[in-house]
C-alpha atoms as a PDB file:
ATOM      1  CA  MET A   1       0.035   0.007  -0.037  1.00  0.00           C
ATOM      2  CA  LEU A   2       1.318   3.394  -1.025  1.00  0.00           C
ATOM      3  CA  LEU A   3       0.596   5.226   2.207  1.00  0.00           C
ATOM      4  CA  GLU A   4       0.847   2.463   4.718  1.00  0.00           C
ATOM      5  CA  GLY A   5       1.781   3.826   8.154  1.00  0.00           C
ATOM      6  CA  LYS A   6       1.417   7.456   6.939  1.00  0.00           C
ATOM      7  CA  THR A   7      -0.730  10.114   8.535  1.00  0.00           C
ATOM      8  CA  ALA A   8      -2.475  12.656   6.316  1.00  0.00           C
ATOM      9  CA  PHE A   9      -4.333  15.949   7.044  1.00  0.00           C
ATOM     10  CA  VAL A  10      -6.980  16.912   4.495  1.00  0.00           C
ATOM     11  CA  THR A  11      -8.966  20.183   4.531  1.00  0.00           C
ATOM     12  CA  GLY A  12     -12.420  20.365   3.040  1.00  0.00           C
ATOM     13  CA  GLY A  13     -12.934  16.665   3.414  1.00  0.00           C
ATOM     14  CA  ALA A  14     -16.691  16.538   3.681  1.00  0.00           C
ATOM     15  CA  ARG A  15     -17.578  15.936   0.079  1.00  0.00           C
ATOM     16  CA  GLY A  16     -16.620  16.231  -3.640  1.00  0.00           C
ATOM     17  CA  ILE A  17     -12.918  15.999  -4.285  1.00  0.00           C
ATOM     18  CA  GLY A  18     -12.091  15.943  -0.609  1.00  0.00           C
ATOM     19  CA  LYS A  19     -14.227  12.803  -0.109  1.00  0.00           C
ATOM     20  CA  GLU A  20     -12.438  10.964  -2.887  1.00  0.00           C
ATOM     21  CA  ILE A  21      -9.008  11.995  -1.571  1.00  0.00           C
ATOM     22  CA  ILE A  22      -9.911  10.555   1.821  1.00  0.00           C
ATOM     23  CA  MET A  23     -11.263   7.319   0.414  1.00  0.00           C
ATOM     24  CA  LYS A  24      -8.263   6.866  -1.884  1.00  0.00           C
ATOM     25  CA  PHE A  25      -5.816   7.557   0.913  1.00  0.00           C
ATOM     26  CA  LEU A  26      -7.589   5.128   3.313  1.00  0.00           C
ATOM     27  CA  SER A  27      -7.522   2.427   0.693  1.00  0.00           C
ATOM     28  CA  GLU A  28      -3.696   2.852   0.601  1.00  0.00           C
ATOM     29  CA  GLY A  29      -3.330   2.452   4.388  1.00  0.00           C
ATOM     30  CA  ALA A  30      -3.216   6.016   5.561  1.00  0.00           C
ATOM     31  CA  SER A  31      -4.666   7.364   8.821  1.00  0.00           C
ATOM     32  CA  ILE A  32      -6.584  10.604   8.156  1.00  0.00           C
ATOM     33  CA  TYR A  33      -7.390  13.803   9.968  1.00  0.00           C
ATOM     34  CA  PHE A  34      -9.806  15.936   8.121  1.00  0.00           C
ATOM     35  CA  VAL A  35     -11.313  19.334   8.884  1.00  0.00           C
ATOM     36  CA  ASP A  36     -14.488  20.950   7.573  1.00  0.00           C
ATOM     37  CA  LEU A  37     -17.284  23.190   8.923  1.00  0.00           C
ATOM     38  CA  ASN A  38     -19.424  20.093   9.347  1.00  0.00           C
ATOM     39  CA  GLU A  39     -18.802  16.365   9.826  1.00  0.00           C
ATOM     40  CA  SER A  40     -19.258  14.561   6.486  1.00  0.00           C
ATOM     41  CA  GLU A  41     -22.335  12.549   5.692  1.00  0.00           C
ATOM     42  CA  HIS A  42     -19.754  10.034   4.434  1.00  0.00           C
ATOM     43  CA  ILE A  43     -18.094   9.567   7.859  1.00  0.00           C
ATOM     44  CA  ASP A  44     -19.368   5.972   8.215  1.00  0.00           C
ATOM     45  CA  ASP A  45     -18.099   5.184   4.688  1.00  0.00           C
ATOM     46  CA  TYR A  46     -14.690   6.591   5.717  1.00  0.00           C
ATOM     47  CA  ARG A  47     -14.528   4.433   8.836  1.00  0.00           C
ATOM     48  CA  LYS A  48     -15.582   1.222   6.899  1.00  0.00           C
ATOM     49  CA  ALA A  49     -12.878   2.004   4.333  1.00  0.00           C
ATOM     50  CA  ALA A  50     -10.214   2.412   6.961  1.00  0.00           C
ATOM     51  CA  GLU A  51     -10.814  -0.851   8.806  1.00  0.00           C
ATOM     52  CA  PRO A  52      -9.435  -3.338   6.257  1.00  0.00           C
ATOM     53  CA  HIS A  53      -6.269  -1.406   5.646  1.00  0.00           C
ATOM     54  CA  GLY A  54      -5.174  -0.604   9.217  1.00  0.00           C
ATOM     55  CA  GLY A  55      -5.867   3.152   8.984  1.00  0.00           C
ATOM     56  CA  SER A  56      -8.190   5.440  10.792  1.00  0.00           C
ATOM     57  CA  VAL A  57     -10.183   8.639  10.255  1.00  0.00           C
ATOM     58  CA  ILE A  58     -10.700  11.533  12.691  1.00  0.00           C
ATOM     59  CA  PHE A  59     -12.820  14.579  12.027  1.00  0.00           C
ATOM     60  CA  LYS A  60     -12.041  18.056  13.458  1.00  0.00           C
ATOM     61  CA  LYS A  61     -14.513  20.855  13.059  1.00  0.00           C
ATOM     62  CA  ALA A  62     -12.798  24.155  12.059  1.00  0.00           C
ATOM     63  CA  ASN A  63     -13.220  27.249   9.899  1.00  0.00           C
ATOM     64  CA  VAL A  64     -10.028  27.248   7.895  1.00  0.00           C
ATOM     65  CA  ALA A  65     -10.394  31.000   7.239  1.00  0.00           C
ATOM     66  CA  ASP A  66     -10.161  31.777  10.924  1.00  0.00           C
ATOM     67  CA  GLU A  67      -6.505  31.947  11.816  1.00  0.00           C
ATOM     68  CA  GLU A  68      -6.814  31.337  15.593  1.00  0.00           C
ATOM     69  CA  GLU A  69      -9.284  28.483  15.131  1.00  0.00           C
ATOM     70  CA  ILE A  70      -7.520  26.561  12.411  1.00  0.00           C
ATOM     71  CA  SER A  71      -4.101  27.165  13.921  1.00  0.00           C
ATOM     72  CA  GLY A  72      -5.379  25.690  17.178  1.00  0.00           C
ATOM     73  CA  VAL A  73      -6.894  22.625  15.474  1.00  0.00           C
ATOM     74  CA  THR A  74      -3.728  22.098  13.406  1.00  0.00           C
ATOM     75  CA  LYS A  75      -1.510  22.166  16.468  1.00  0.00           C
ATOM     76  CA  GLU A  76      -3.919  19.706  18.149  1.00  0.00           C
ATOM     77  CA  ILE A  77      -3.610  17.347  15.158  1.00  0.00           C
ATOM     78  CA  LEU A  78       0.239  17.649  15.135  1.00  0.00           C
ATOM     79  CA  ASP A  79       0.248  16.818  18.862  1.00  0.00           C
ATOM     80  CA  GLU A  80      -2.165  13.891  18.674  1.00  0.00           C
ATOM     81  CA  SER A  81      -0.665  12.306  15.498  1.00  0.00           C
ATOM     82  CA  GLY A  82       3.012  12.805  16.484  1.00  0.00           C
ATOM     83  CA  GLY A  83       3.489  14.412  13.013  1.00  0.00           C
ATOM     84  CA  ILE A  84       1.869  14.712   9.631  1.00  0.00           C
ATOM     85  CA  ASP A  85       3.360  13.010   6.586  1.00  0.00           C
ATOM     86  CA  VAL A  86       0.999  14.442   3.997  1.00  0.00           C
ATOM     87  CA  LEU A  87      -0.976  17.655   3.943  1.00  0.00           C
ATOM     88  CA  VAL A  88      -3.679  18.359   1.314  1.00  0.00           C
ATOM     89  CA  ASN A  89      -4.981  21.928   1.240  1.00  0.00           C
ATOM     90  CA  ASN A  90      -8.165  21.247  -0.552  1.00  0.00           C
ATOM     91  CA  ALA A  91     -10.757  23.621   1.104  1.00  0.00           C
ATOM     92  CA  GLY A  92     -12.363  25.991  -1.345  1.00  0.00           C
ATOM     93  CA  ILE A  93     -15.458  27.953  -2.263  1.00  0.00           C
ATOM     94  CA  THR A  94     -16.765  29.987  -5.183  1.00  0.00           C
ATOM     95  CA  ARG A  95     -18.590  33.298  -5.200  1.00  0.00           C
ATOM     96  CA  ASP A  96     -18.813  33.883  -8.898  1.00  0.00           C
ATOM     97  CA  GLY A  97     -19.833  37.235 -10.523  1.00  0.00           C
ATOM     98  CA  LEU A  98     -18.529  39.931 -12.884  1.00  0.00           C
ATOM     99  CA  VAL A  99     -15.902  42.071 -11.175  1.00  0.00           C
ATOM    100  CA  PHE A 100     -17.980  45.293 -11.301  1.00  0.00           C
ATOM    101  CA  ARG A 101     -20.771  43.563  -9.482  1.00  0.00           C
ATOM    102  CA  MET A 102     -18.630  41.610  -6.990  1.00  0.00           C
ATOM    103  CA  SER A 103     -18.836  42.650  -3.378  1.00  0.00           C
ATOM    104  CA  SER A 104     -15.737  43.117  -1.227  1.00  0.00           C
ATOM    105  CA  LYS A 105     -17.014  40.395   1.007  1.00  0.00           C
ATOM    106  CA  ASP A 106     -17.333  37.888  -1.903  1.00  0.00           C
ATOM    107  CA  TRP A 107     -13.772  38.750  -2.923  1.00  0.00           C
ATOM    108  CA  GLN A 108     -12.315  38.421   0.552  1.00  0.00           C
ATOM    109  CA  ASP A 109     -14.203  35.222   1.561  1.00  0.00           C
ATOM    110  CA  VAL A 110     -12.825  33.401  -1.494  1.00  0.00           C
ATOM    111  CA  LEU A 111      -9.257  34.628  -0.930  1.00  0.00           C
ATOM    112  CA  ASN A 112      -9.431  33.753   2.812  1.00  0.00           C
ATOM    113  CA  ILE A 113     -10.722  30.193   2.359  1.00  0.00           C
ATOM    114  CA  ASN A 114      -8.993  29.210  -0.876  1.00  0.00           C
ATOM    115  CA  LEU A 115      -5.538  30.820  -0.313  1.00  0.00           C
ATOM    116  CA  THR A 116      -4.930  32.293   3.123  1.00  0.00           C
ATOM    117  CA  SER A 117      -6.068  29.107   4.892  1.00  0.00           C
ATOM    118  CA  ALA A 118      -3.185  27.260   3.054  1.00  0.00           C
ATOM    119  CA  PHE A 119      -0.732  29.726   4.561  1.00  0.00           C
ATOM    120  CA  TYR A 120      -2.141  29.290   8.082  1.00  0.00           C
ATOM    121  CA  ILE A 121      -2.004  25.513   7.974  1.00  0.00           C
ATOM    122  CA  SER A 122       1.173  25.009   5.876  1.00  0.00           C
ATOM    123  CA  LYS A 123       3.117  27.406   8.160  1.00  0.00           C
ATOM    124  CA  LEU A 124       2.649  25.009  11.090  1.00  0.00           C
ATOM    125  CA  VAL A 125       2.706  21.688   9.206  1.00  0.00           C
ATOM    126  CA  SER A 126       5.809  22.460   7.082  1.00  0.00           C
ATOM    127  CA  HIS A 127       7.761  23.481  10.222  1.00  0.00           C
ATOM    128  CA  ALA A 128       6.975  20.114  11.769  1.00  0.00           C
ATOM    129  CA  MET A 129       7.893  18.293   8.563  1.00  0.00           C
ATOM    130  CA  ILE A 130      11.135  20.092   8.348  1.00  0.00           C
ATOM    131  CA  ARG A 131      12.122  18.770  11.794  1.00  0.00           C
ATOM    132  CA  LYS A 132      11.337  15.191  10.588  1.00  0.00           C
ATOM    133  CA  LYS A 133      13.172  15.930   7.210  1.00  0.00           C
ATOM    134  CA  THR A 134      10.311  14.364   5.283  1.00  0.00           C
ATOM    135  CA  GLY A 135       6.764  15.235   4.075  1.00  0.00           C
ATOM    136  CA  SER A 136       4.515  16.052   1.201  1.00  0.00           C
ATOM    137  CA  ILE A 137       2.275  19.051   0.792  1.00  0.00           C
ATOM    138  CA  ILE A 138      -0.283  19.079  -1.997  1.00  0.00           C
ATOM    139  CA  ASN A 139      -2.271  22.250  -2.806  1.00  0.00           C
ATOM    140  CA  VAL A 140      -5.511  21.943  -4.788  1.00  0.00           C
ATOM    141  CA  ALA A 141      -5.461  24.937  -7.177  1.00  0.00           C
ATOM    142  CA  SER A 142      -7.453  25.086 -10.472  1.00  0.00           C
ATOM    143  CA  ILE A 143      -7.027  25.396 -14.131  1.00  0.00           C
ATOM    144  CA  VAL A 144      -8.630  28.845 -13.938  1.00  0.00           C
ATOM    145  CA  GLY A 145      -5.674  29.895 -11.836  1.00  0.00           C
ATOM    146  CA  VAL A 146      -3.571  29.277 -14.889  1.00  0.00           C
ATOM    147  CA  ILE A 147      -5.811  30.447 -17.723  1.00  0.00           C
ATOM    148  CA  GLY A 148      -8.416  32.617 -16.031  1.00  0.00           C
ATOM    149  CA  ASN A 149     -12.147  32.574 -16.423  1.00  0.00           C
ATOM    150  CA  ALA A 150     -14.634  35.340 -16.794  1.00  0.00           C
ATOM    151  CA  GLY A 151     -16.868  35.808 -13.830  1.00  0.00           C
ATOM    152  CA  GLN A 152     -14.351  34.271 -11.449  1.00  0.00           C
ATOM    153  CA  THR A 153     -11.785  36.995 -10.800  1.00  0.00           C
ATOM    154  CA  ASN A 154     -11.774  36.150  -7.087  1.00  0.00           C
ATOM    155  CA  TYR A 155     -11.531  32.337  -7.574  1.00  0.00           C
ATOM    156  CA  SER A 156      -8.951  32.714 -10.279  1.00  0.00           C
ATOM    157  CA  ALA A 157      -6.831  35.081  -8.264  1.00  0.00           C
ATOM    158  CA  SER A 158      -7.043  32.739  -5.205  1.00  0.00           C
ATOM    159  CA  LYS A 159      -5.958  29.686  -7.208  1.00  0.00           C
ATOM    160  CA  ALA A 160      -3.146  31.645  -9.051  1.00  0.00           C
ATOM    161  CA  GLY A 161      -1.980  32.759  -5.701  1.00  0.00           C
ATOM    162  CA  LEU A 162      -2.005  29.183  -4.428  1.00  0.00           C
ATOM    163  CA  ILE A 163       0.196  28.206  -7.339  1.00  0.00           C
ATOM    164  CA  GLY A 164       2.711  30.879  -6.546  1.00  0.00           C
ATOM    165  CA  PHE A 165       2.591  29.922  -2.875  1.00  0.00           C
ATOM    166  CA  THR A 166       3.320  26.310  -3.900  1.00  0.00           C
ATOM    167  CA  LYS A 167       6.378  27.167  -5.936  1.00  0.00           C
ATOM    168  CA  SER A 168       7.804  29.575  -3.313  1.00  0.00           C
ATOM    169  CA  LEU A 169       7.239  27.179  -0.381  1.00  0.00           C
ATOM    170  CA  ALA A 170       8.743  24.303  -2.352  1.00  0.00           C
ATOM    171  CA  ARG A 171      11.973  26.305  -2.735  1.00  0.00           C
ATOM    172  CA  GLU A 172      11.975  27.142   1.019  1.00  0.00           C
ATOM    173  CA  VAL A 173      11.692  23.545   2.286  1.00  0.00           C
ATOM    174  CA  ALA A 174      13.215  21.249  -0.467  1.00  0.00           C
ATOM    175  CA  SER A 175      16.646  21.151   1.149  1.00  0.00           C
ATOM    176  CA  ARG A 176      15.048  19.555   4.258  1.00  0.00           C
ATOM    177  CA  GLY A 177      13.336  16.715   2.341  1.00  0.00           C
ATOM    178  CA  VAL A 178       9.823  18.268   2.170  1.00  0.00           C
ATOM    179  CA  ARG A 179       8.005  18.355  -1.200  1.00  0.00           C
ATOM    180  CA  VAL A 180       5.330  20.868  -2.147  1.00  0.00           C
ATOM    181  CA  ASN A 181       3.258  20.390  -5.320  1.00  0.00           C
ATOM    182  CA  ALA A 182      -0.096  21.513  -6.701  1.00  0.00           C
ATOM    183  CA  VAL A 183      -2.823  20.047  -8.898  1.00  0.00           C
ATOM    184  CA  ALA A 184      -4.909  22.278 -11.143  1.00  0.00           C
ATOM    185  CA  PRO A 185      -8.201  20.414 -11.832  1.00  0.00           C
ATOM    186  CA  GLY A 186     -10.449  21.606 -14.720  1.00  0.00           C
ATOM    187  CA  PHE A 187     -14.190  21.224 -14.463  1.00  0.00           C
ATOM    188  CA  ILE A 188     -14.877  18.231 -12.266  1.00  0.00           C
ATOM    189  CA  GLN A 189     -18.276  16.511 -11.616  1.00  0.00           C
ATOM    190  CA  THR A 190     -19.039  17.850  -8.073  1.00  0.00           C
ATOM    191  CA  PRO A 191     -22.011  19.580  -6.362  1.00  0.00           C
ATOM    192  CA  MET A 192     -20.584  22.871  -7.742  1.00  0.00           C
ATOM    193  CA  THR A 193     -20.800  21.776 -11.382  1.00  0.00           C
ATOM    194  CA  ASP A 194     -24.110  20.060 -10.839  1.00  0.00           C
ATOM    195  CA  LYS A 195     -25.658  23.550 -10.653  1.00  0.00           C
ATOM    196  CA  LEU A 196     -24.825  24.336 -14.233  1.00  0.00           C
ATOM    197  CA  ASN A 197     -27.772  24.552 -16.656  1.00  0.00           C
ATOM    198  CA  ASP A 198     -27.802  22.799 -20.088  1.00  0.00           C
ATOM    199  CA  GLU A 199     -26.533  25.895 -21.969  1.00  0.00           C
ATOM    200  CA  GLN A 200     -23.693  26.427 -19.521  1.00  0.00           C
ATOM    201  CA  ARG A 201     -22.792  22.731 -19.651  1.00  0.00           C
ATOM    202  CA  GLU A 202     -22.759  22.677 -23.438  1.00  0.00           C
ATOM    203  CA  LYS A 203     -20.588  25.751 -23.643  1.00  0.00           C
ATOM    204  CA  LEU A 204     -18.176  24.234 -21.077  1.00  0.00           C
ATOM    205  CA  MET A 205     -17.879  20.968 -22.964  1.00  0.00           C
ATOM    206  CA  SER A 206     -16.828  22.843 -26.102  1.00  0.00           C
ATOM    207  CA  GLN A 207     -13.697  24.013 -24.186  1.00  0.00           C
ATOM    208  CA  ILE A 208     -12.622  20.493 -23.120  1.00  0.00           C
ATOM    209  CA  PRO A 209     -10.729  18.480 -25.732  1.00  0.00           C
ATOM    210  CA  LEU A 210     -11.664  15.196 -24.007  1.00  0.00           C
ATOM    211  CA  GLY A 211     -15.341  16.250 -24.237  1.00  0.00           C
ATOM    212  CA  ARG A 212     -16.435  15.453 -20.656  1.00  0.00           C
ATOM    213  CA  LEU A 213     -16.221  16.548 -17.060  1.00  0.00           C
ATOM    214  CA  GLY A 214     -13.582  14.985 -14.945  1.00  0.00           C
ATOM    215  CA  GLN A 215     -14.425  12.752 -12.028  1.00  0.00           C
ATOM    216  CA  PRO A 216     -13.319  13.462  -8.389  1.00  0.00           C
ATOM    217  CA  GLU A 217     -11.603  10.131  -8.302  1.00  0.00           C
ATOM    218  CA  GLU A 218      -9.414  11.201 -11.233  1.00  0.00           C
ATOM    219  CA  VAL A 219      -8.146  14.142  -9.233  1.00  0.00           C
ATOM    220  CA  ALA A 220      -7.704  11.918  -6.142  1.00  0.00           C
ATOM    221  CA  LYS A 221      -5.458   9.535  -8.036  1.00  0.00           C
ATOM    222  CA  VAL A 222      -3.010  12.225  -8.988  1.00  0.00           C
ATOM    223  CA  ILE A 223      -2.986  13.561  -5.466  1.00  0.00           C
ATOM    224  CA  LEU A 224      -2.219  10.033  -4.201  1.00  0.00           C
ATOM    225  CA  PHE A 225       0.698   9.938  -6.620  1.00  0.00           C
ATOM    226  CA  LEU A 226       1.993  13.237  -5.243  1.00  0.00           C
ATOM    227  CA  ALA A 227       1.468  12.065  -1.588  1.00  0.00           C
ATOM    228  CA  SER A 228       3.399   8.824  -2.155  1.00  0.00           C
ATOM    229  CA  ASP A 229       7.034   7.963  -2.789  1.00  0.00           C
ATOM    230  CA  LEU A 230       6.105   7.437  -6.470  1.00  0.00           C
ATOM    231  CA  SER A 231       6.739  11.161  -6.842  1.00  0.00           C
ATOM    232  CA  SER A 232       9.833  11.353  -4.684  1.00  0.00           C
ATOM    233  CA  TYR A 233      11.689  13.519  -7.183  1.00  0.00           C
ATOM    234  CA  LEU A 234       8.897  16.005  -7.821  1.00  0.00           C
ATOM    235  CA  THR A 235       8.553  19.335  -6.121  1.00  0.00           C
ATOM    236  CA  GLY A 236       7.265  22.777  -7.112  1.00  0.00           C
ATOM    237  CA  GLN A 237       5.138  21.229  -9.821  1.00  0.00           C
ATOM    238  CA  VAL A 238       1.648  22.093 -10.922  1.00  0.00           C
ATOM    239  CA  ILE A 239      -0.123  19.103 -12.608  1.00  0.00           C
ATOM    240  CA  LYS A 240      -3.174  20.041 -14.709  1.00  0.00           C
ATOM    241  CA  ILE A 241      -6.091  17.584 -14.544  1.00  0.00           C
ATOM    242  CA  ASP A 242      -8.340  19.294 -16.989  1.00  0.00           C
ATOM    243  CA  GLY A 243      -9.110  17.109 -19.998  1.00  0.00           C
ATOM    244  CA  GLY A 244      -6.796  19.216 -22.058  1.00  0.00           C
ATOM    245  CA  MET A 245      -8.323  22.688 -21.373  1.00  0.00           C
ATOM    246  CA  GLY A 246      -5.119  24.367 -20.464  1.00  0.00           C
ATOM    247  CA  MET A 247      -2.750  22.802 -23.055  1.00  0.00           C
END
């Protein structure tokens, strides 16, 4: 198993891509801590998935955009676990709208959750990883952080910022054996994309060379690769999982 004996920390683990990351990690022997605003409806599935492979799953409620709250929970997880081997900064929201109609709150909320939370958590976890001289941090960015998207200036800015954060942090910690990479998913079949109407979906499909939405499991597989020793010589990379949108 690729993550046997490893402990992982996943943010935004209640549903969507976060759910698939947790299920994939548990199937490979990891023990998981995950944070979200609410315990996942899939928590029983997580526990059942953990049992055959010797792992475990523990939920911690936290608002990742609240520095005091998420820093306290992160320290608690580090203390309880004895150290984190893999961190996945996956928490994210959208508040779409044209820039001249966008409120300051919608701008700031997206930046706080999608980008600043990764700083709060990585600051603590990377320091602990440095002491152990090993670890993998994976940031979930987006293809729109690479190519942009009308109506998503806040989301695109947050994900582009996360890519820059990834590359800079990778340079800071590489000499101590810690790797930092990002994935940039395209349009993935999640509750977010389920809200698209037929016209929006058709327009979207025309932009994707593979002609379909991606599946959360397809993102989770790449994240598993980055979390494991299969990617031991990769750091500072951004892997697009977008059906060819950004080629």
